[in-house]
C-alpha atoms as a PDB file:
ATOM      1  CA  MET A   1     -38.597 151.226-104.234  1.00  0.00           C
ATOM      2  CA  ALA A   2     -35.052 150.278-105.174  1.00  0.00           C
ATOM      3  CA  GLU A   3     -34.653 147.677-107.857  1.00  0.00           C
ATOM      4  CA  ARG A   4     -33.604 144.309-106.424  1.00  0.00           C
ATOM      5  CA  PRO A   5     -30.584 142.718-108.145  1.00  0.00           C
ATOM      6  CA  MET A   6     -31.393 139.634-110.152  1.00  0.00           C
ATOM      7  CA  ASP A   7     -30.978 136.494-108.063  1.00  0.00           C
ATOM      8  CA  ILE A   8     -28.607 133.846-109.355  1.00  0.00           C
ATOM      9  CA  LYS A   9     -29.871 130.310-109.133  1.00  0.00           C
ATOM     10  CA  PRO A  10     -27.764 128.025-106.872  1.00  0.00           C
ATOM     11  CA  GLU A  11     -26.842 125.760-109.790  1.00  0.00           C
ATOM     12  CA  ALA A  12     -25.462 128.775-111.673  1.00  0.00           C
ATOM     13  CA  ARG A  13     -23.318 129.963-108.788  1.00  0.00           C
ATOM     14  CA  ILE A  14     -20.994 127.035-109.223  1.00  0.00           C
ATOM     15  CA  VAL A  15     -19.523 128.722-112.313  1.00  0.00           C
ATOM     16  CA  SER A  16     -18.204 131.735-110.474  1.00  0.00           C
ATOM     17  CA  ARG A  17     -17.486 129.861-107.229  1.00  0.00           C
ATOM     18  CA  ILE A  18     -15.117 127.421-108.913  1.00  0.00           C
ATOM     19  CA  HIS A  19     -13.103 130.138-110.593  1.00  0.00           C
ATOM     20  CA  LEU A  20     -13.153 132.542-107.673  1.00  0.00           C
ATOM     21  CA  SER A  21     -11.902 129.777-105.385  1.00  0.00           C
ATOM     22  CA  ALA A  22      -9.121 128.939-107.801  1.00  0.00           C
ATOM     23  CA  LEU A  23      -8.083 132.582-107.837  1.00  0.00           C
ATOM     24  CA  GLU A  24      -7.932 132.852-104.029  1.00  0.00           C
ATOM     25  CA  CYS A  25     -11.138 134.844-103.710  1.00  0.00           C
ATOM     26  CA  ARG A  26     -10.493 135.345-100.019  1.00  0.00           C
ATOM     27  CA  ASP A  27      -7.837 137.899-101.008  1.00  0.00           C
ATOM     28  CA  PHE A  28     -10.661 140.157-102.098  1.00  0.00           C
ATOM     29  CA  ASP A  29     -12.821 139.799 -98.996  1.00  0.00           C
ATOM     30  CA  LEU A  30     -11.965 138.302 -95.622  1.00  0.00           C
ATOM     31  CA  ASP A  31     -15.635 137.966 -94.665  1.00  0.00           C
ATOM     32  CA  GLN A  32     -16.371 134.236 -94.812  1.00  0.00           C
ATOM     33  CA  HIS A  33     -20.054 134.539 -94.035  1.00  0.00           C
ATOM     34  CA  LEU A  34     -22.166 132.481 -96.445  1.00  0.00           C
ATOM     35  CA  ARG A  35     -24.434 135.365 -97.461  1.00  0.00           C
ATOM     36  CA  ALA A  36     -21.429 137.524 -98.345  1.00  0.00           C
ATOM     37  CA  ASP A  37     -19.924 134.639-100.284  1.00  0.00           C
ATOM     38  CA  GLN A  38     -23.112 134.163-102.309  1.00  0.00           C
ATOM     39  CA  ALA A  39     -23.455 137.899-102.925  1.00  0.00           C
ATOM     40  CA  ARG A  40     -19.885 138.047-104.167  1.00  0.00           C
ATOM     41  CA  ASN A  41     -20.418 135.141-106.522  1.00  0.00           C
ATOM     42  CA  ASP A  42     -23.696 136.567-107.762  1.00  0.00           C
ATOM     43  CA  HIS A  43     -22.027 139.886-108.431  1.00  0.00           C
ATOM     44  CA  CYS A  44     -19.363 138.218-110.558  1.00  0.00           C
ATOM     45  CA  CYS A  45     -21.986 136.299-112.514  1.00  0.00           C
ATOM     46  CA  ARG A  46     -23.898 139.492-113.305  1.00  0.00           C
ATOM     47  CA  ARG A  47     -20.856 141.557-114.198  1.00  0.00           C
ATOM     48  CA  SER A  48     -19.352 138.810-116.392  1.00  0.00           C
ATOM     49  CA  ASN A  49     -22.639 138.587-118.382  1.00  0.00           C
ATOM     50  CA  ALA A  50     -22.998 134.935-117.322  1.00  0.00           C
ATOM     51  CA  ALA A  51     -26.339 135.725-115.674  1.00  0.00           C
ATOM     52  CA  LYS A  52     -27.841 137.041-118.917  1.00  0.00           C
ATOM     53  CA  SER A  53     -26.666 133.951-120.826  1.00  0.00           C
ATOM     54  CA  ILE A  54     -28.070 131.648-118.175  1.00  0.00           C
ATOM     55  CA  ALA A  55     -31.447 133.416-118.242  1.00  0.00           C
ATOM     56  CA  MET A  56     -31.561 133.287-122.068  1.00  0.00           C
ATOM     57  CA  GLU A  57     -30.371 129.677-122.055  1.00  0.00           C
ATOM     58  CA  GLU A  58     -27.472 130.643-124.274  1.00  0.00           C
ATOM     59  CA  GLU A  59     -23.954 129.273-124.292  1.00  0.00           C
ATOM     60  CA  TYR A  60     -21.399 131.305-122.363  1.00  0.00           C
ATOM     61  CA  ASP A  61     -17.738 131.147-121.472  1.00  0.00           C
ATOM     62  CA  VAL A  62     -17.345 129.665-117.987  1.00  0.00           C
ATOM     63  CA  ALA A  63     -13.714 130.786-117.729  1.00  0.00           C
ATOM     64  CA  VAL A  64     -13.353 133.956-115.676  1.00  0.00           C
ATOM     65  CA  SER A  65      -9.861 135.434-115.907  1.00  0.00           C
ATOM     66  CA  LYS A  66      -7.979 136.878-112.980  1.00  0.00           C
ATOM     67  CA  GLU A  67      -8.063 140.278-114.672  1.00  0.00           C
ATOM     68  CA  GLN A  68     -11.865 140.107-114.839  1.00  0.00           C
ATOM     69  CA  ILE A  69     -12.079 139.135-111.181  1.00  0.00           C
ATOM     70  CA  GLN A  70      -9.929 142.085-110.127  1.00  0.00           C
ATOM     71  CA  LYS A  71     -11.951 144.459-112.333  1.00  0.00           C
ATOM     72  CA  ILE A  72     -15.222 143.256-110.824  1.00  0.00           C
ATOM     73  CA  LEU A  73     -14.234 142.926-107.155  1.00  0.00           C
ATOM     74  CA  GLY A  74     -11.573 145.632-107.031  1.00  0.00           C
ATOM     75  CA  VAL A  75      -8.038 145.604-105.669  1.00  0.00           C
ATOM     76  CA  PRO A  76      -7.246 142.510-103.555  1.00  0.00           C
ATOM     77  CA  ARG A  77      -7.327 143.133 -99.822  1.00  0.00           C
ATOM     78  CA  GLU A  78      -4.201 142.539 -97.805  1.00  0.00           C
ATOM     79  CA  ARG A  79      -4.464 139.482 -95.569  1.00  0.00           C
ATOM     80  CA  ASN A  80      -2.956 138.931 -92.139  1.00  0.00           C
ATOM     81  CA  THR A  81      -0.058 136.487 -92.327  1.00  0.00           C
ATOM     82  CA  GLU A  82       2.274 134.998 -89.754  1.00  0.00           C
ATOM     83  CA  GLN A  83       5.004 137.550 -89.002  1.00  0.00           C
ATOM     84  CA  SER A  84       8.777 137.345 -88.607  1.00  0.00           C
ATOM     85  CA  ASN A  85      10.276 136.339 -85.249  1.00  0.00           C
ATOM     86  CA  GLU A  86      13.067 138.927 -85.428  1.00  0.00           C
ATOM     87  CA  VAL A  87      11.318 141.157 -82.853  1.00  0.00           C
ATOM     88  CA  ALA A  88      10.930 140.122 -79.227  1.00  0.00           C
ATOM     89  CA  GLY A  89       7.463 140.262 -77.703  1.00  0.00           C
ATOM     90  CA  VAL A  90       5.413 139.691 -80.879  1.00  0.00           C
ATOM     91  CA  VAL A  91       3.449 136.445 -81.024  1.00  0.00           C
ATOM     92  CA  THR A  92       0.703 135.115 -83.310  1.00  0.00           C
ATOM     93  CA  GLY A  93      -2.568 134.176 -81.658  1.00  0.00           C
ATOM     94  CA  LEU A  94      -5.766 132.584 -82.960  1.00  0.00           C
ATOM     95  CA  ALA A  95      -9.199 134.089 -82.504  1.00  0.00           C
ATOM     96  CA  TRP A  96     -12.788 133.054 -83.178  1.00  0.00           C
ATOM     97  CA  THR A  97     -15.214 135.564 -84.720  1.00  0.00           C
ATOM     98  CA  PRO A  98     -18.889 135.249 -85.791  1.00  0.00           C
ATOM     99  CA  VAL A  99     -17.714 135.039 -89.419  1.00  0.00           C
ATOM    100  CA  GLY A 100     -14.920 132.482 -88.884  1.00  0.00           C
ATOM    101  CA  GLY A 101     -11.438 132.142 -87.483  1.00  0.00           C
ATOM    102  CA  GLU A 102      -8.784 134.818 -87.648  1.00  0.00           C
ATOM    103  CA  ILE A 103      -5.190 135.311 -86.554  1.00  0.00           C
ATOM    104  CA  LEU A 104      -4.210 138.214 -84.338  1.00  0.00           C
ATOM    105  CA  PHE A 105      -0.867 139.552 -83.241  1.00  0.00           C
ATOM    106  CA  ILE A 106      -0.040 140.248 -79.624  1.00  0.00           C
ATOM    107  CA  GLU A 107       2.614 142.968 -79.558  1.00  0.00           C
ATOM    108  CA  SER A 108       4.494 144.150 -76.494  1.00  0.00           C
ATOM    109  CA  SER A 109       7.255 146.669 -75.855  1.00  0.00           C
ATOM    110  CA  LEU A 110       9.452 147.898 -73.004  1.00  0.00           C
ATOM    111  CA  SER A 111      10.172 151.503 -72.080  1.00  0.00           C
ATOM    112  CA  ARG A 112      11.980 152.972 -69.091  1.00  0.00           C
ATOM    113  CA  GLY A 113       9.641 153.710 -66.239  1.00  0.00           C
ATOM    114  CA  THR A 114       8.389 152.363 -62.944  1.00  0.00           C
ATOM    115  CA  GLY A 115       6.903 149.009 -63.889  1.00  0.00           C
ATOM    116  CA  LYS A 116       3.476 150.118 -65.150  1.00  0.00           C
ATOM    117  CA  LEU A 117       1.398 147.885 -67.441  1.00  0.00           C
ATOM    118  CA  MET A 118      -0.461 149.550 -70.320  1.00  0.00           C
ATOM    119  CA  ILE A 119      -2.951 147.646 -72.493  1.00  0.00           C
ATOM    120  CA  THR A 120      -4.162 149.029 -75.802  1.00  0.00           C
ATOM    121  CA  GLY A 121      -6.051 147.805 -78.876  1.00  0.00           C
ATOM    122  CA  ASN A 122      -9.708 148.037 -77.800  1.00  0.00           C
ATOM    123  CA  LEU A 123      -9.562 144.956 -75.556  1.00  0.00           C
ATOM    124  CA  GLY A 124     -12.397 143.768 -73.356  1.00  0.00           C
ATOM    125  CA  ALA A 125     -12.240 143.082 -69.633  1.00  0.00           C
ATOM    126  CA  VAL A 126     -11.542 139.334 -69.970  1.00  0.00           C
ATOM    127  CA  MET A 127      -8.660 139.889 -72.346  1.00  0.00           C
ATOM    128  CA  LYS A 128      -7.149 142.526 -70.033  1.00  0.00           C
ATOM    129  CA  GLU A 129      -7.419 140.033 -67.165  1.00  0.00           C
ATOM    130  CA  SER A 130      -5.415 137.529 -69.229  1.00  0.00           C
ATOM    131  CA  ALA A 131      -2.652 140.110 -69.618  1.00  0.00           C
ATOM    132  CA  ASN A 132      -2.537 140.730 -65.855  1.00  0.00           C
ATOM    133  CA  ILE A 133      -2.551 136.981 -65.125  1.00  0.00           C
ATOM    134  CA  ALA A 134       0.319 136.428 -67.548  1.00  0.00           C
ATOM    135  CA  LEU A 135       2.360 139.197 -65.961  1.00  0.00           C
ATOM    136  CA  ALA A 136       1.643 137.949 -62.431  1.00  0.00           C
ATOM    137  CA  TYR A 137       2.761 134.449 -63.416  1.00  0.00           C
ATOM    138  CA  ILE A 138       5.991 135.735 -64.967  1.00  0.00           C
ATOM    139  CA  LYS A 139       6.806 137.762 -61.864  1.00  0.00           C
ATOM    140  CA  SER A 140       6.235 134.795 -59.545  1.00  0.00           C
ATOM    141  CA  HIS A 141       8.371 132.545 -61.760  1.00  0.00           C
ATOM    142  CA  ALA A 142      11.059 135.095 -62.622  1.00  0.00           C
ATOM    143  CA  ASP A 143      13.874 132.894 -61.324  1.00  0.00           C
ATOM    144  CA  ASP A 144      12.753 129.917 -63.413  1.00  0.00           C
ATOM    145  CA  LEU A 145      12.522 132.139 -66.488  1.00  0.00           C
ATOM    146  CA  ASN A 146      15.878 133.798 -65.815  1.00  0.00           C
ATOM    147  CA  ILE A 147      14.404 137.288 -65.557  1.00  0.00           C
ATOM    148  CA  PRO A 148      16.010 139.779 -63.135  1.00  0.00           C
ATOM    149  CA  ILE A 149      13.527 141.124 -60.586  1.00  0.00           C
ATOM    150  CA  SER A 150      14.797 144.682 -61.181  1.00  0.00           C
ATOM    151  CA  VAL A 151      13.313 144.611 -64.679  1.00  0.00           C
ATOM    152  CA  PHE A 152       9.777 144.724 -63.302  1.00  0.00           C
ATOM    153  CA  LYS A 153      10.550 147.915 -61.332  1.00  0.00           C
ATOM    154  CA  ASN A 154      12.545 149.858 -63.909  1.00  0.00           C
ATOM    155  CA  TRP A 155      10.660 149.181 -67.127  1.00  0.00           C
ATOM    156  CA  ASP A 156       7.091 149.921 -68.197  1.00  0.00           C
ATOM    157  CA  ILE A 157       5.402 147.455 -70.507  1.00  0.00           C
ATOM    158  CA  ASN A 158       2.804 148.056 -73.196  1.00  0.00           C
ATOM    159  CA  ILE A 159       0.677 145.262 -74.652  1.00  0.00           C
ATOM    160  CA  HIS A 160      -1.084 146.059 -77.909  1.00  0.00           C
ATOM    161  CA  VAL A 161      -3.341 144.141 -80.300  1.00  0.00           C
ATOM    162  CA  PRO A 162      -3.519 145.818 -83.748  1.00  0.00           C
ATOM    163  CA  GLU A 163      -6.742 146.867 -85.500  1.00  0.00           C
ATOM    164  CA  GLY A 164      -7.849 149.013 -82.607  1.00  0.00           C
ATOM    165  CA  ALA A 165     -11.176 149.864 -84.252  1.00  0.00           C
ATOM    166  CA  THR A 166     -12.264 146.243 -83.784  1.00  0.00           C
ATOM    167  CA  PRO A 167     -13.385 145.229 -80.243  1.00  0.00           C
ATOM    168  CA  LYS A 168     -11.664 142.109 -78.958  1.00  0.00           C
ATOM    169  CA  ASP A 169     -12.361 140.001 -75.904  1.00  0.00           C
ATOM    170  CA  GLY A 170     -12.212 136.473 -74.519  1.00  0.00           C
ATOM    171  CA  PRO A 171      -9.743 134.297 -72.589  1.00  0.00           C
ATOM    172  CA  SER A 172      -8.186 132.427 -75.529  1.00  0.00           C
ATOM    173  CA  ALA A 173      -5.288 134.873 -75.972  1.00  0.00           C
ATOM    174  CA  GLY A 174      -3.908 133.942 -72.542  1.00  0.00           C
ATOM    175  CA  ILE A 175      -0.979 131.764 -73.639  1.00  0.00           C
ATOM    176  CA  THR A 176      -0.233 134.182 -76.478  1.00  0.00           C
ATOM    177  CA  MET A 177       0.159 137.050 -74.001  1.00  0.00           C
ATOM    178  CA  LEU A 178       2.250 134.859 -71.718  1.00  0.00           C
ATOM    179  CA  THR A 179       4.600 134.047 -74.597  1.00  0.00           C
ATOM    180  CA  ALA A 180       4.792 137.646 -75.791  1.00  0.00           C
ATOM    181  CA  LEU A 181       5.707 138.987 -72.330  1.00  0.00           C
ATOM    182  CA  THR A 182       8.234 136.240 -71.618  1.00  0.00           C
ATOM    183  CA  SER A 183       9.850 136.818 -75.009  1.00  0.00           C
ATOM    184  CA  LEU A 184       9.976 140.537 -74.310  1.00  0.00           C
ATOM    185  CA  TYR A 185      11.522 140.259 -70.835  1.00  0.00           C
ATOM    186  CA  THR A 186      14.071 137.652 -71.933  1.00  0.00           C
ATOM    187  CA  GLN A 187      14.601 139.083 -75.477  1.00  0.00           C
ATOM    188  CA  ARG A 188      14.378 135.518 -76.829  1.00  0.00           C
ATOM    189  CA  LYS A 189      13.070 134.696 -80.281  1.00  0.00           C
ATOM    190  CA  VAL A 190       9.702 133.028 -80.761  1.00  0.00           C
ATOM    191  CA  VAL A 191       9.604 129.869 -82.894  1.00  0.00           C
ATOM    192  CA  SER A 192       8.927 130.875 -86.490  1.00  0.00           C
ATOM    193  CA  LYS A 193       5.516 130.143 -88.105  1.00  0.00           C
ATOM    194  CA  MET A 194       3.921 129.294 -84.769  1.00  0.00           C
ATOM    195  CA  ALA A 195       0.507 130.267 -83.400  1.00  0.00           C
ATOM    196  CA  MET A 196      -1.365 129.389 -80.220  1.00  0.00           C
ATOM    197  CA  THR A 197      -4.637 129.664 -78.327  1.00  0.00           C
ATOM    198  CA  GLY A 198      -5.543 128.816 -74.746  1.00  0.00           C
ATOM    199  CA  GLU A 199      -6.754 130.260 -71.455  1.00  0.00           C
ATOM    200  CA  ILE A 200      -4.401 130.665 -68.497  1.00  0.00           C
ATOM    201  CA  THR A 201      -4.747 130.670 -64.713  1.00  0.00           C
ATOM    202  CA  LEU A 202      -2.737 132.052 -61.815  1.00  0.00           C
ATOM    203  CA  ARG A 203      -1.910 128.447 -60.852  1.00  0.00           C
ATOM    204  CA  GLY A 204      -0.006 128.072 -64.117  1.00  0.00           C
ATOM    205  CA  LYS A 205      -2.606 125.900 -65.868  1.00  0.00           C
ATOM    206  CA  VAL A 206      -3.673 126.060 -69.518  1.00  0.00           C
ATOM    207  CA  LEU A 207      -7.428 125.631 -70.090  1.00  0.00           C
ATOM    208  CA  PRO A 208      -9.299 124.644 -73.271  1.00  0.00           C
ATOM    209  CA  VAL A 209     -11.038 127.171 -75.515  1.00  0.00           C
ATOM    210  CA  GLY A 210     -13.641 126.980 -78.277  1.00  0.00           C
ATOM    211  CA  GLY A 211     -13.752 127.658 -81.997  1.00  0.00           C
ATOM    212  CA  ILE A 212     -10.831 125.335 -82.690  1.00  0.00           C
ATOM    213  CA  LYS A 213     -11.834 124.331 -86.239  1.00  0.00           C
ATOM    214  CA  GLU A 214     -12.224 127.934 -87.367  1.00  0.00           C
ATOM    215  CA  LYS A 215      -8.947 128.886 -85.745  1.00  0.00           C
ATOM    216  CA  ILE A 216      -7.081 126.035 -87.436  1.00  0.00           C
ATOM    217  CA  LEU A 217      -8.359 127.087 -90.869  1.00  0.00           C
ATOM    218  CA  ALA A 218      -7.268 130.671 -90.158  1.00  0.00           C
ATOM    219  CA  ALA A 219      -3.802 129.433 -89.180  1.00  0.00           C
ATOM    220  CA  LYS A 220      -3.461 127.474 -92.426  1.00  0.00           C
ATOM    221  CA  ARG A 221      -4.424 130.512 -94.485  1.00  0.00           C
ATOM    222  CA  ALA A 222      -1.775 132.564 -92.706  1.00  0.00           C
ATOM    223  CA  GLY A 223       1.026 130.063 -93.350  1.00  0.00           C
ATOM    224  CA  VAL A 224       1.332 128.849 -89.751  1.00  0.00           C
ATOM    225  CA  LYS A 225       3.064 125.466 -89.379  1.00  0.00           C
ATOM    226  CA  THR A 226       3.015 124.816 -85.618  1.00  0.00           C
ATOM    227  CA  ILE A 227       0.133 125.302 -83.191  1.00  0.00           C
ATOM    228  CA  ILE A 228       0.033 125.088 -79.381  1.00  0.00           C
ATOM    229  CA  LEU A 229      -3.262 124.072 -77.767  1.00  0.00           C
ATOM    230  CA  CYS A 230      -4.520 122.903 -74.415  1.00  0.00           C
ATOM    231  CA  GLU A 231      -4.377 119.125 -74.068  1.00  0.00           C
ATOM    232  CA  ALA A 232      -8.144 119.072 -73.551  1.00  0.00           C
ATOM    233  CA  ASN A 233      -8.598 120.510 -77.062  1.00  0.00           C
ATOM    234  CA  GLN A 234      -7.005 117.454 -78.685  1.00  0.00           C
ATOM    235  CA  LYS A 235     -10.461 115.894 -79.073  1.00  0.00           C
ATOM    236  CA  ASP A 236     -11.487 118.902 -81.187  1.00  0.00           C
ATOM    237  CA  ILE A 237      -8.589 118.311 -83.561  1.00  0.00           C
ATOM    238  CA  GLU A 238      -9.537 114.653 -83.946  1.00  0.00           C
ATOM    239  CA  GLU A 239     -12.955 115.754 -85.224  1.00  0.00           C
ATOM    240  CA  ILE A 240     -11.467 117.839 -88.052  1.00  0.00           C
ATOM    241  CA  LYS A 241     -10.956 116.348 -91.498  1.00  0.00           C
ATOM    242  CA  GLU A 242      -7.414 115.123 -92.063  1.00  0.00           C
ATOM    243  CA  SER A 243      -7.097 117.198 -95.247  1.00  0.00           C
ATOM    244  CA  TYR A 244      -7.442 120.395 -93.200  1.00  0.00           C
ATOM    245  CA  LEU A 245      -4.591 119.354 -90.891  1.00  0.00           C
ATOM    246  CA  THR A 246      -2.022 118.554 -93.586  1.00  0.00           C
ATOM    247  CA  GLY A 247       1.224 120.444 -92.989  1.00  0.00           C
ATOM    248  CA  LEU A 248       0.363 121.371 -89.369  1.00  0.00           C
ATOM    249  CA  THR A 249       2.144 120.178 -86.222  1.00  0.00           C
ATOM    250  CA  PHE A 250       0.287 120.322 -82.903  1.00  0.00           C
ATOM    251  CA  HIS A 251       1.635 120.536 -79.383  1.00  0.00           C
ATOM    252  CA  TYR A 252      -0.765 119.885 -76.495  1.00  0.00           C
ATOM    253  CA  VAL A 253       0.025 121.359 -73.079  1.00  0.00           C
ATOM    254  CA  LYS A 254      -1.343 121.414 -69.541  1.00  0.00           C
ATOM    255  CA  GLU A 255       1.047 123.881 -67.905  1.00  0.00           C
ATOM    256  CA  MET A 256       2.010 127.441 -68.810  1.00  0.00           C
ATOM    257  CA  ILE A 257       5.712 126.677 -68.420  1.00  0.00           C
ATOM    258  CA  GLU A 258       5.335 124.069 -71.188  1.00  0.00           C
ATOM    259  CA  VAL A 259       4.163 126.838 -73.526  1.00  0.00           C
ATOM    260  CA  VAL A 260       7.265 128.914 -72.800  1.00  0.00           C
ATOM    261  CA  LYS A 261       9.576 125.952 -73.410  1.00  0.00           C
ATOM    262  CA  LEU A 262       7.873 125.099 -76.710  1.00  0.00           C
ATOM    263  CA  ALA A 263       7.453 128.632 -78.049  1.00  0.00           C
ATOM    264  CA  LEU A 264      10.750 130.346 -77.205  1.00  0.00           C
ATOM    265  CA  LEU A 265      14.168 129.679 -78.666  1.00  0.00           C
ATOM    266  CA  ASN A 266      17.375 130.166 -76.699  1.00  0.00           C
ATOM    267  CA  GLU A 267      18.532 132.545 -79.408  1.00  0.00           C
ATOM    268  CA  LYS A 268      18.272 136.258 -78.626  1.00  0.00           C
ATOM    269  CA  VAL A 269      16.804 138.765 -81.076  1.00  0.00           C
ATOM    270  CA  LYS A 270      19.017 141.304 -82.810  1.00  0.00           C
ATOM    271  CA  ASN A 271      19.197 144.820 -81.330  1.00  0.00           C
ATOM    272  CA  ARG A 272      17.793 143.484 -78.069  1.00  0.00           C
ATOM    273  CA  LYS A 273      17.162 145.668 -75.053  1.00  0.00           C
ATOM    274  CA  LYS A 274      20.175 145.834 -72.763  1.00  0.00           C
ATOM    275  CA  ARG A 275      18.604 145.675 -69.336  1.00  0.00           C
ATOM    276  CA  SER A 276      21.845 145.318 -67.406  1.00  0.00           C
ATOM    277  CA  CYS A 277      22.427 149.093 -67.461  1.00  0.00           C
ATOM    278  CA  SER A 278      19.338 149.600 -65.294  1.00  0.00           C
ATOM    279  CA  PHE A 279      21.277 148.286 -62.264  1.00  0.00           C
ATOM    280  CA  TYR A 280      23.960 150.931 -62.670  1.00  0.00           C
ATOM    281  CA  ASN A 281      21.380 153.645 -63.308  1.00  0.00           C
ATOM    282  CA  SER A 282      19.727 152.685 -60.012  1.00  0.00           C
ATOM    283  CA  ILE A 283      23.049 153.052 -58.166  1.00  0.00           C
ATOM    284  CA  ILE A 284      23.649 156.446 -59.781  1.00  0.00           C
ATOM    285  CA  ARG A 285      20.196 157.689 -58.758  1.00  0.00           C
ATOM    286  CA  ILE A 286      20.772 156.542 -55.144  1.00  0.00           C
ATOM    287  CA  PHE A 287      24.207 158.216 -55.111  1.00  0.00           C
ATOM    288  CA  ILE A 288      22.724 161.482 -56.364  1.00  0.00           C
ATOM    289  CA  LYS A 289      20.052 161.446 -53.677  1.00  0.00           C
ATOM    290  CA  LEU A 290      22.613 160.791 -50.954  1.00  0.00           C
ATOM    291  CA  THR A 291      24.807 163.671 -52.085  1.00  0.00           C
END
């Protein structure tokens, strides 16, 4: 039978927890589950010889240096952070997981083709439906969004959510996909340090989603400053401690068009796709067929 590691009493864990927290312990492990947190703290106590001193009722140094933390827990893990807005079609979303909130990036790209939609990133059926709803809405409101109809026929679109080994599903990425596709088709920049979460409908409505508290904490960790939510989720924000909301600006919406107006700048991205040539290419192809 394998030897069971010595348990650390709850009152002793405060030693490592205080110092790990001060040293941004989340850099070492994104798992926020309580059992993992306790195991990590217990491990530091044992490796720093604090456990032995506690058991022997001896004095010990409560200060744990950053070098000791890195030696015990290993190299810090890279964390997801809000990305630059220099690329069209990339938007930051907010997701709920069983171990807490997390940010995710909705990426999209255009390539010459016949208007096909490809969805990658190990997405579930509900999330794929959100992508199709977003695209259908954009097509039906192309004039309002200043998108030429020819774009939908001459360009294929690929939507991707990184970390393909992790299954993802749920309706809350709806407004994120809407923003990503609109940014891509118009080549407009997305507002910097912005994230969003909300379900969408074919009627152009934005519906509330769950896990708001966890998502807000994830946004703060990632350096997000502005968050778009459904108006019905405002009550969830009011239930969160004010200290958690410091530095965040919230926009509450009912309609999908409101999301586009809030999230996209009039400024175009650098090295943007030049869609105008597709019109001339179409004429050339018709001329070739006729001759």
